[in-house]
Amino acid sequence: MTLPWWSAALAAGVLLAMMAGPLGSFVVWRRMAFFGDTLAHGALLGVTLGVLTDLDPMLALVLACIVLALLLLPLQRATRVSSDTLLGIVSHSTLALGMVALSLADGIRVDLMGYLFGDLLAVRHSDVLWMALAAVLVCGLLAWHWRGLVAITVSEELASMDGYPVKRLNLLLVILLALVVALAMKVVGILLVSALLVIPAATARSLARSPAQMALAAMVLGTLAVLSGMASSFYWDTPAGPGVVVAAATLFVLSLLRRPARL
């Protein structure tokens, strides 16, 4: 039986929402939104290297994001420059380097708009398989280390006293974030990837009364945003990736009308 043409896009969007929901909650709690932006911008340089070396684009995205995350984590602690300034410098520098490198690559054509704003409807069933494996890995690791990740988010000093491996948990969090950012670029693109992580989680914060409730609510809200974005793309011929972000932003505005929960 032949699957509908939109089945791969729908599955990819839902899988991404399942990963972005709980991980986005940590991004909101730890104020790491700009960190995610920096990874997304730096990934364009990875795309360029992948194109020049004939490496699979998805693999190049994942490797670039993970390497950049591993470099940024110690660099933020070692440099005298403030964290937001450092991330701003790295973010815009790597984005510019990637675009310049692409322009200098003779005879190579790249869908730059697709990388900048995503192309959810171009997702293939092979991409969905990789995203399903990533969703199992990300959600499984988050569930396994949930208590420790919440503990270091509240206080790294207290978490260390309670016996949690703070450095390893921080490393795990940034690697998972890098993985999800790389996968999200296929759906919403470089310029909107942070929005998919932050907006559903920020919306869920006003609806939930515990960290676990917030993570689950963010997953549900992200899924609703994906479904709404795809519906708008189908009925009004709008770009699917930006449509998902607009739907998520609409849900956030509606949540402001509700009395905030205590979290």
C-alpha atoms as a PDB file:
ATOM      1  CA  MET A   1       0.000   0.000   0.000  1.00  0.00           C
ATOM      2  CA  THR A   2       1.336   3.404  -1.014  1.00  0.00           C
ATOM      3  CA  LEU A   3       1.497   5.901   1.836  1.00  0.00           C
ATOM      4  CA  PRO A   4       0.045   9.415   1.328  1.00  0.00           C
ATOM      5  CA  TRP A   5       2.552  12.020   0.170  1.00  0.00           C
ATOM      6  CA  TRP A   6       2.154  13.960   3.397  1.00  0.00           C
ATOM      7  CA  SER A   7       2.698  10.996   5.752  1.00  0.00           C
ATOM      8  CA  ALA A   8       6.480  11.457   5.988  1.00  0.00           C
ATOM      9  CA  ALA A   9       6.133  15.171   6.773  1.00  0.00           C
ATOM     10  CA  LEU A  10       3.491  14.502   9.423  1.00  0.00           C
ATOM     11  CA  ALA A  11       5.513  11.731  11.078  1.00  0.00           C
ATOM     12  CA  ALA A  12       8.692  13.838  11.050  1.00  0.00           C
ATOM     13  CA  GLY A  13       6.911  16.825  12.585  1.00  0.00           C
ATOM     14  CA  VAL A  14       5.310  14.773  15.355  1.00  0.00           C
ATOM     15  CA  LEU A  15       8.581  12.988  16.167  1.00  0.00           C
ATOM     16  CA  LEU A  16      10.368  16.313  16.329  1.00  0.00           C
ATOM     17  CA  ALA A  17       7.694  17.718  18.665  1.00  0.00           C
ATOM     18  CA  MET A  18       8.151  14.706  20.951  1.00  0.00           C
ATOM     19  CA  MET A  19      11.875  15.456  21.234  1.00  0.00           C
ATOM     20  CA  ALA A  20      11.655  19.246  21.319  1.00  0.00           C
ATOM     21  CA  GLY A  21       9.002  19.331  24.045  1.00  0.00           C
ATOM     22  CA  PRO A  22      10.954  17.971  27.040  1.00  0.00           C
ATOM     23  CA  LEU A  23      14.318  19.222  25.752  1.00  0.00           C
ATOM     24  CA  GLY A  24      12.840  22.674  25.127  1.00  0.00           C
ATOM     25  CA  SER A  25      11.690  22.722  28.746  1.00  0.00           C
ATOM     26  CA  PHE A  26      15.318  22.542  29.855  1.00  0.00           C
ATOM     27  CA  VAL A  27      16.186  25.227  27.318  1.00  0.00           C
ATOM     28  CA  VAL A  28      13.581  27.518  28.907  1.00  0.00           C
ATOM     29  CA  TRP A  29      14.531  26.692  32.487  1.00  0.00           C
ATOM     30  CA  ARG A  30      18.253  27.161  31.864  1.00  0.00           C
ATOM     31  CA  ARG A  31      17.843  30.136  29.492  1.00  0.00           C
ATOM     32  CA  MET A  32      19.663  28.374  26.671  1.00  0.00           C
ATOM     33  CA  ALA A  33      17.589  29.685  23.761  1.00  0.00           C
ATOM     34  CA  PHE A  34      20.529  31.622  22.329  1.00  0.00           C
ATOM     35  CA  PHE A  35      22.681  28.490  22.638  1.00  0.00           C
ATOM     36  CA  GLY A  36      20.272  26.655  20.350  1.00  0.00           C
ATOM     37  CA  ASP A  37      20.334  29.540  17.880  1.00  0.00           C
ATOM     38  CA  THR A  38      24.120  29.433  17.793  1.00  0.00           C
ATOM     39  CA  LEU A  39      24.122  25.703  17.050  1.00  0.00           C
ATOM     40  CA  ALA A  40      21.629  26.208  14.221  1.00  0.00           C
ATOM     41  CA  HIS A  41      23.627  29.023  12.637  1.00  0.00           C
ATOM     42  CA  GLY A  42      26.863  27.093  12.950  1.00  0.00           C
ATOM     43  CA  ALA A  43      25.287  24.053  11.318  1.00  0.00           C
ATOM     44  CA  LEU A  44      25.259  25.859   7.965  1.00  0.00           C
ATOM     45  CA  LEU A  45      29.041  25.603   8.002  1.00  0.00           C
ATOM     46  CA  GLY A  46      28.609  21.870   8.524  1.00  0.00           C
ATOM     47  CA  VAL A  47      26.251  21.712   5.557  1.00  0.00           C
ATOM     48  CA  THR A  48      28.896  23.426   3.440  1.00  0.00           C
ATOM     49  CA  LEU A  49      31.583  20.961   4.511  1.00  0.00           C
ATOM     50  CA  GLY A  50      29.189  18.094   3.827  1.00  0.00           C
ATOM     51  CA  VAL A  51      28.495  19.361   0.315  1.00  0.00           C
ATOM     52  CA  LEU A  52      32.179  19.855  -0.432  1.00  0.00           C
ATOM     53  CA  THR A  53      33.100  16.378   0.845  1.00  0.00           C
ATOM     54  CA  ASP A  54      30.027  14.530  -0.533  1.00  0.00           C
ATOM     55  CA  LEU A  55      28.963  13.644   3.006  1.00  0.00           C
ATOM     56  CA  ASP A  56      25.276  12.952   3.677  1.00  0.00           C
ATOM     57  CA  PRO A  57      23.654  16.351   4.518  1.00  0.00           C
ATOM     58  CA  MET A  58      21.831  15.032   7.589  1.00  0.00           C
ATOM     59  CA  LEU A  59      24.988  13.430   8.958  1.00  0.00           C
ATOM     60  CA  ALA A  60      26.925  16.631   8.269  1.00  0.00           C
ATOM     61  CA  LEU A  61      24.300  18.642  10.161  1.00  0.00           C
ATOM     62  CA  VAL A  62      24.400  16.349  13.182  1.00  0.00           C
ATOM     63  CA  LEU A  63      28.205  16.224  13.323  1.00  0.00           C
ATOM     64  CA  ALA A  64      28.534  20.006  12.928  1.00  0.00           C
ATOM     65  CA  CYS A  65      26.034  20.715  15.715  1.00  0.00           C
ATOM     66  CA  ILE A  66      27.597  18.210  18.115  1.00  0.00           C
ATOM     67  CA  VAL A  67      31.158  19.423  17.480  1.00  0.00           C
ATOM     68  CA  LEU A  68      30.112  23.058  17.923  1.00  0.00           C
ATOM     69  CA  ALA A  69      28.231  22.219  21.138  1.00  0.00           C
ATOM     70  CA  LEU A  70      31.278  20.416  22.543  1.00  0.00           C
ATOM     71  CA  LEU A  71      33.446  23.441  21.722  1.00  0.00           C
ATOM     72  CA  LEU A  72      31.022  26.004  23.137  1.00  0.00           C
ATOM     73  CA  LEU A  73      30.492  24.275  26.484  1.00  0.00           C
ATOM     74  CA  PRO A  74      34.083  24.685  27.800  1.00  0.00           C
ATOM     75  CA  LEU A  75      34.603  27.936  25.884  1.00  0.00           C
ATOM     76  CA  GLN A  76      31.756  29.601  27.774  1.00  0.00           C
ATOM     77  CA  ARG A  77      33.421  28.750  31.070  1.00  0.00           C
ATOM     78  CA  ALA A  78      36.981  29.652  30.066  1.00  0.00           C
ATOM     79  CA  THR A  79      36.599  32.974  28.264  1.00  0.00           C
ATOM     80  CA  ARG A  80      36.334  36.375  29.922  1.00  0.00           C
ATOM     81  CA  VAL A  81      33.655  37.429  27.446  1.00  0.00           C
ATOM     82  CA  SER A  82      30.078  37.178  28.719  1.00  0.00           C
ATOM     83  CA  SER A  83      28.138  34.125  27.580  1.00  0.00           C
ATOM     84  CA  ASP A  84      25.562  35.965  25.458  1.00  0.00           C
ATOM     85  CA  THR A  85      28.282  38.032  23.745  1.00  0.00           C
ATOM     86  CA  LEU A  86      30.331  34.923  22.956  1.00  0.00           C
ATOM     87  CA  LEU A  87      27.296  33.110  21.561  1.00  0.00           C
ATOM     88  CA  GLY A  88      26.419  36.139  19.445  1.00  0.00           C
ATOM     89  CA  ILE A  89      29.921  36.293  17.982  1.00  0.00           C
ATOM     90  CA  VAL A  90      30.068  32.553  17.233  1.00  0.00           C
ATOM     91  CA  SER A  91      26.492  32.451  15.914  1.00  0.00           C
ATOM     92  CA  HIS A  92      26.817  35.186  13.326  1.00  0.00           C
ATOM     93  CA  SER A  93      30.420  34.353  12.420  1.00  0.00           C
ATOM     94  CA  THR A  94      29.682  30.710  11.620  1.00  0.00           C
ATOM     95  CA  LEU A  95      26.526  31.625   9.678  1.00  0.00           C
ATOM     96  CA  ALA A  96      28.473  34.132   7.605  1.00  0.00           C
ATOM     97  CA  LEU A  97      31.349  31.695   7.055  1.00  0.00           C
ATOM     98  CA  GLY A  98      28.933  29.039   5.861  1.00  0.00           C
ATOM     99  CA  MET A  99      27.276  31.381   3.364  1.00  0.00           C
ATOM    100  CA  VAL A 100      30.614  32.678   2.081  1.00  0.00           C
ATOM    101  CA  ALA A 101      31.947  29.134   1.677  1.00  0.00           C
ATOM    102  CA  LEU A 102      28.832  28.119  -0.242  1.00  0.00           C
ATOM    103  CA  SER A 103      29.200  31.092  -2.580  1.00  0.00           C
ATOM    104  CA  LEU A 104      32.810  30.123  -3.327  1.00  0.00           C
ATOM    105  CA  ALA A 105      31.984  26.480  -4.092  1.00  0.00           C
ATOM    106  CA  ASP A 106      32.111  26.273  -7.897  1.00  0.00           C
ATOM    107  CA  GLY A 107      29.494  24.165  -9.653  1.00  0.00           C
ATOM    108  CA  ILE A 108      27.590  23.312  -6.458  1.00  0.00           C
ATOM    109  CA  ARG A 109      23.985  24.382  -6.056  1.00  0.00           C
ATOM    110  CA  VAL A 110      22.399  24.298  -2.600  1.00  0.00           C
ATOM    111  CA  ASP A 111      18.813  25.126  -1.658  1.00  0.00           C
ATOM    112  CA  LEU A 112      19.799  27.871   0.767  1.00  0.00           C
ATOM    113  CA  MET A 113      16.186  28.936   1.411  1.00  0.00           C
ATOM    114  CA  GLY A 114      15.375  25.356   2.348  1.00  0.00           C
ATOM    115  CA  TYR A 115      18.115  25.339   4.978  1.00  0.00           C
ATOM    116  CA  LEU A 116      17.218  28.808   6.267  1.00  0.00           C
ATOM    117  CA  PHE A 117      13.451  28.273   6.552  1.00  0.00           C
ATOM    118  CA  GLY A 118      13.085  24.496   6.341  1.00  0.00           C
ATOM    119  CA  ASP A 119      11.068  22.344   3.971  1.00  0.00           C
ATOM    120  CA  LEU A 120       8.887  19.979   5.979  1.00  0.00           C
ATOM    121  CA  LEU A 121       7.074  18.690   2.908  1.00  0.00           C
ATOM    122  CA  ALA A 122      10.385  17.571   1.370  1.00  0.00           C
ATOM    123  CA  VAL A 123      11.112  15.139   4.213  1.00  0.00           C
ATOM    124  CA  ARG A 124      11.623  11.596   2.947  1.00  0.00           C
ATOM    125  CA  HIS A 125      10.609   8.344   4.618  1.00  0.00           C
ATOM    126  CA  SER A 126      14.307   7.532   5.142  1.00  0.00           C
ATOM    127  CA  ASP A 127      14.591  10.790   7.122  1.00  0.00           C
ATOM    128  CA  VAL A 128      11.628   9.706   9.239  1.00  0.00           C
ATOM    129  CA  LEU A 129      13.404   6.475  10.134  1.00  0.00           C
ATOM    130  CA  TRP A 130      16.448   8.365  11.387  1.00  0.00           C
ATOM    131  CA  MET A 131      14.212  10.774  13.318  1.00  0.00           C
ATOM    132  CA  ALA A 132      12.354   7.855  14.903  1.00  0.00           C
ATOM    133  CA  LEU A 133      15.643   6.351  16.085  1.00  0.00           C
ATOM    134  CA  ALA A 134      16.721   9.765  17.386  1.00  0.00           C
ATOM    135  CA  ALA A 135      13.382  10.214  19.189  1.00  0.00           C
ATOM    136  CA  VAL A 136      13.805   6.882  20.970  1.00  0.00           C
ATOM    137  CA  LEU A 137      17.373   7.831  21.953  1.00  0.00           C
ATOM    138  CA  VAL A 138      16.575  11.394  23.088  1.00  0.00           C
ATOM    139  CA  CYS A 139      13.363  10.598  24.976  1.00  0.00           C
ATOM    140  CA  GLY A 140      14.907   7.481  26.511  1.00  0.00           C
ATOM    141  CA  LEU A 141      17.980   9.321  27.797  1.00  0.00           C
ATOM    142  CA  LEU A 142      15.886  12.223  29.102  1.00  0.00           C
ATOM    143  CA  ALA A 143      13.602   9.826  30.978  1.00  0.00           C
ATOM    144  CA  TRP A 144      16.587   7.870  32.355  1.00  0.00           C
ATOM    145  CA  HIS A 145      18.419  10.970  33.602  1.00  0.00           C
ATOM    146  CA  TRP A 146      15.347  13.106  34.328  1.00  0.00           C
ATOM    147  CA  ARG A 147      15.947  13.528  38.068  1.00  0.00           C
ATOM    148  CA  GLY A 148      19.592  14.408  37.578  1.00  0.00           C
ATOM    149  CA  LEU A 149      18.910  16.895  34.779  1.00  0.00           C
ATOM    150  CA  VAL A 150      16.226  18.616  36.841  1.00  0.00           C
ATOM    151  CA  ALA A 151      18.572  18.661  39.844  1.00  0.00           C
ATOM    152  CA  ILE A 152      21.432  20.382  37.982  1.00  0.00           C
ATOM    153  CA  THR A 153      18.935  22.824  36.492  1.00  0.00           C
ATOM    154  CA  VAL A 154      17.816  23.872  39.977  1.00  0.00           C
ATOM    155  CA  SER A 155      21.343  24.025  41.427  1.00  0.00           C
ATOM    156  CA  GLU A 156      24.542  22.410  40.200  1.00  0.00           C
ATOM    157  CA  GLU A 157      26.135  22.737  43.650  1.00  0.00           C
ATOM    158  CA  LEU A 158      23.282  20.933  45.410  1.00  0.00           C
ATOM    159  CA  ALA A 159      23.126  18.322  42.666  1.00  0.00           C
ATOM    160  CA  SER A 160      26.841  17.641  43.094  1.00  0.00           C
ATOM    161  CA  MET A 161      26.372  17.248  46.846  1.00  0.00           C
ATOM    162  CA  ASP A 162      23.575  14.740  46.169  1.00  0.00           C
ATOM    163  CA  GLY A 163      25.970  12.663  44.057  1.00  0.00           C
ATOM    164  CA  TYR A 164      24.829  13.552  40.547  1.00  0.00           C
ATOM    165  CA  PRO A 165      27.572  13.696  37.863  1.00  0.00           C
ATOM    166  CA  VAL A 166      27.086  17.370  36.997  1.00  0.00           C
ATOM    167  CA  LYS A 167      29.656  17.614  34.180  1.00  0.00           C
ATOM    168  CA  ARG A 168      28.432  14.471  32.441  1.00  0.00           C
ATOM    169  CA  LEU A 169      24.798  15.567  32.694  1.00  0.00           C
ATOM    170  CA  ASN A 170      25.621  18.991  31.266  1.00  0.00           C
ATOM    171  CA  LEU A 171      27.489  17.292  28.427  1.00  0.00           C
ATOM    172  CA  LEU A 172      24.561  14.959  27.790  1.00  0.00           C
ATOM    173  CA  LEU A 173      22.135  17.884  27.664  1.00  0.00           C
ATOM    174  CA  VAL A 174      24.114  19.896  25.104  1.00  0.00           C
ATOM    175  CA  ILE A 175      24.690  16.823  22.899  1.00  0.00           C
ATOM    176  CA  LEU A 176      20.968  16.023  22.883  1.00  0.00           C
ATOM    177  CA  LEU A 177      20.227  19.667  22.158  1.00  0.00           C
ATOM    178  CA  ALA A 178      22.688  19.612  19.252  1.00  0.00           C
ATOM    179  CA  LEU A 179      21.057  16.469  17.851  1.00  0.00           C
ATOM    180  CA  VAL A 180      17.540  17.907  18.013  1.00  0.00           C
ATOM    181  CA  VAL A 181      18.651  21.244  16.536  1.00  0.00           C
ATOM    182  CA  ALA A 182      20.212  19.401  13.579  1.00  0.00           C
ATOM    183  CA  LEU A 183      17.053  17.377  12.975  1.00  0.00           C
ATOM    184  CA  ALA A 184      14.769  20.390  13.422  1.00  0.00           C
ATOM    185  CA  MET A 185      16.560  22.279  10.656  1.00  0.00           C
ATOM    186  CA  LYS A 186      15.001  19.920   8.113  1.00  0.00           C
ATOM    187  CA  VAL A 187      11.551  20.991   9.344  1.00  0.00           C
ATOM    188  CA  VAL A 188      11.738  24.686  10.270  1.00  0.00           C
ATOM    189  CA  GLY A 189      15.190  25.766   9.087  1.00  0.00           C
ATOM    190  CA  ILE A 190      18.157  27.548  10.626  1.00  0.00           C
ATOM    191  CA  LEU A 191      16.377  30.815  11.377  1.00  0.00           C
ATOM    192  CA  LEU A 192      13.367  29.253  13.123  1.00  0.00           C
ATOM    193  CA  VAL A 193      14.800  26.203  14.867  1.00  0.00           C
ATOM    194  CA  SER A 194      15.093  27.872  18.272  1.00  0.00           C
ATOM    195  CA  ALA A 195      11.440  28.918  18.102  1.00  0.00           C
ATOM    196  CA  LEU A 196      10.273  25.309  17.909  1.00  0.00           C
ATOM    197  CA  LEU A 197      12.275  24.499  21.025  1.00  0.00           C
ATOM    198  CA  VAL A 198      11.325  27.558  23.039  1.00  0.00           C
ATOM    199  CA  ILE A 199       7.730  28.499  22.171  1.00  0.00           C
ATOM    200  CA  PRO A 200       5.909  25.227  23.029  1.00  0.00           C
ATOM    201  CA  ALA A 201       7.902  24.932  26.261  1.00  0.00           C
ATOM    202  CA  ALA A 202       7.198  28.572  27.192  1.00  0.00           C
ATOM    203  CA  THR A 203       3.503  27.980  26.494  1.00  0.00           C
ATOM    204  CA  ALA A 204       3.489  24.828  28.604  1.00  0.00           C
ATOM    205  CA  ARG A 205       5.087  26.689  31.508  1.00  0.00           C
ATOM    206  CA  SER A 206       1.881  28.661  32.103  1.00  0.00           C
ATOM    207  CA  LEU A 207      -0.229  25.494  32.007  1.00  0.00           C
ATOM    208  CA  ALA A 208       1.792  23.023  34.082  1.00  0.00           C
ATOM    209  CA  ARG A 209       2.345  22.616  37.805  1.00  0.00           C
ATOM    210  CA  SER A 210       5.418  20.376  37.759  1.00  0.00           C
ATOM    211  CA  PRO A 211       8.466  19.854  35.537  1.00  0.00           C
ATOM    212  CA  ALA A 212       7.115  16.548  34.219  1.00  0.00           C
ATOM    213  CA  GLN A 213       3.748  18.130  33.368  1.00  0.00           C
ATOM    214  CA  MET A 214       5.510  20.948  31.560  1.00  0.00           C
ATOM    215  CA  ALA A 215       7.564  18.529  29.453  1.00  0.00           C
ATOM    216  CA  LEU A 216       4.474  16.509  28.482  1.00  0.00           C
ATOM    217  CA  ALA A 217       2.430  19.637  27.775  1.00  0.00           C
ATOM    218  CA  ALA A 218       5.238  20.976  25.564  1.00  0.00           C
ATOM    219  CA  MET A 219       5.154  17.746  23.556  1.00  0.00           C
ATOM    220  CA  VAL A 220       1.389  18.033  23.044  1.00  0.00           C
ATOM    221  CA  LEU A 221       1.556  21.732  22.147  1.00  0.00           C
ATOM    222  CA  GLY A 222       4.409  21.110  19.722  1.00  0.00           C
ATOM    223  CA  THR A 223       2.388  18.368  18.042  1.00  0.00           C
ATOM    224  CA  LEU A 224      -0.628  20.698  17.750  1.00  0.00           C
ATOM    225  CA  ALA A 225       1.616  23.344  16.194  1.00  0.00           C
ATOM    226  CA  VAL A 226       2.912  20.829  13.642  1.00  0.00           C
ATOM    227  CA  LEU A 227      -0.602  19.703  12.717  1.00  0.00           C
ATOM    228  CA  SER A 228      -1.798  23.315  12.429  1.00  0.00           C
ATOM    229  CA  GLY A 229       1.209  24.341  10.347  1.00  0.00           C
ATOM    230  CA  MET A 230       0.700  21.457   7.946  1.00  0.00           C
ATOM    231  CA  ALA A 231      -3.016  22.201   7.683  1.00  0.00           C
ATOM    232  CA  SER A 232      -2.323  25.842   6.820  1.00  0.00           C
ATOM    233  CA  SER A 233       0.215  24.730   4.234  1.00  0.00           C
ATOM    234  CA  PHE A 234      -2.342  22.390   2.669  1.00  0.00           C
ATOM    235  CA  TYR A 235      -5.295  24.792   2.588  1.00  0.00           C
ATOM    236  CA  TRP A 236      -3.552  28.131   1.947  1.00  0.00           C
ATOM    237  CA  ASP A 237      -0.322  27.022   0.252  1.00  0.00           C
ATOM    238  CA  THR A 238       1.873  28.625   2.922  1.00  0.00           C
ATOM    239  CA  PRO A 239       5.392  27.369   3.794  1.00  0.00           C
ATOM    240  CA  ALA A 240       5.036  24.511   6.267  1.00  0.00           C
ATOM    241  CA  GLY A 241       8.020  25.289   8.531  1.00  0.00           C
ATOM    242  CA  PRO A 242       7.153  28.933   9.249  1.00  0.00           C
ATOM    243  CA  GLY A 243       3.503  27.852   9.524  1.00  0.00           C
ATOM    244  CA  VAL A 244       4.426  25.526  12.389  1.00  0.00           C
ATOM    245  CA  VAL A 245       6.170  28.377  14.218  1.00  0.00           C
ATOM    246  CA  VAL A 246       3.233  30.756  13.635  1.00  0.00           C
ATOM    247  CA  ALA A 247       0.863  28.123  15.051  1.00  0.00           C
ATOM    248  CA  ALA A 248       3.108  27.664  18.099  1.00  0.00           C
ATOM    249  CA  ALA A 249       3.235  31.437  18.625  1.00  0.00           C
ATOM    250  CA  THR A 250      -0.579  31.609  18.390  1.00  0.00           C
ATOM    251  CA  LEU A 251      -0.896  28.955  21.092  1.00  0.00           C
ATOM    252  CA  PHE A 252       1.515  30.947  23.245  1.00  0.00           C
ATOM    253  CA  VAL A 253      -0.573  34.121  22.883  1.00  0.00           C
ATOM    254  CA  LEU A 254      -3.717  32.187  23.796  1.00  0.00           C
ATOM    255  CA  SER A 255      -1.972  30.779  26.876  1.00  0.00           C
ATOM    256  CA  LEU A 256      -1.317  34.316  28.110  1.00  0.00           C
ATOM    257  CA  LEU A 257      -5.070  34.732  28.568  1.00  0.00           C
ATOM    258  CA  ARG A 258      -5.044  31.959  31.154  1.00  0.00           C
ATOM    259  CA  ARG A 259      -3.978  32.477  34.746  1.00  0.00           C
ATOM    260  CA  PRO A 260      -0.364  31.251  35.027  1.00  0.00           C
ATOM    261  CA  ALA A 261       0.322  28.053  36.903  1.00  0.00           C
ATOM    262  CA  ARG A 262       2.950  27.949  39.627  1.00  0.00           C
ATOM    263  CA  LEU A 263       6.106  26.308  38.364  1.00  0.00           C
END
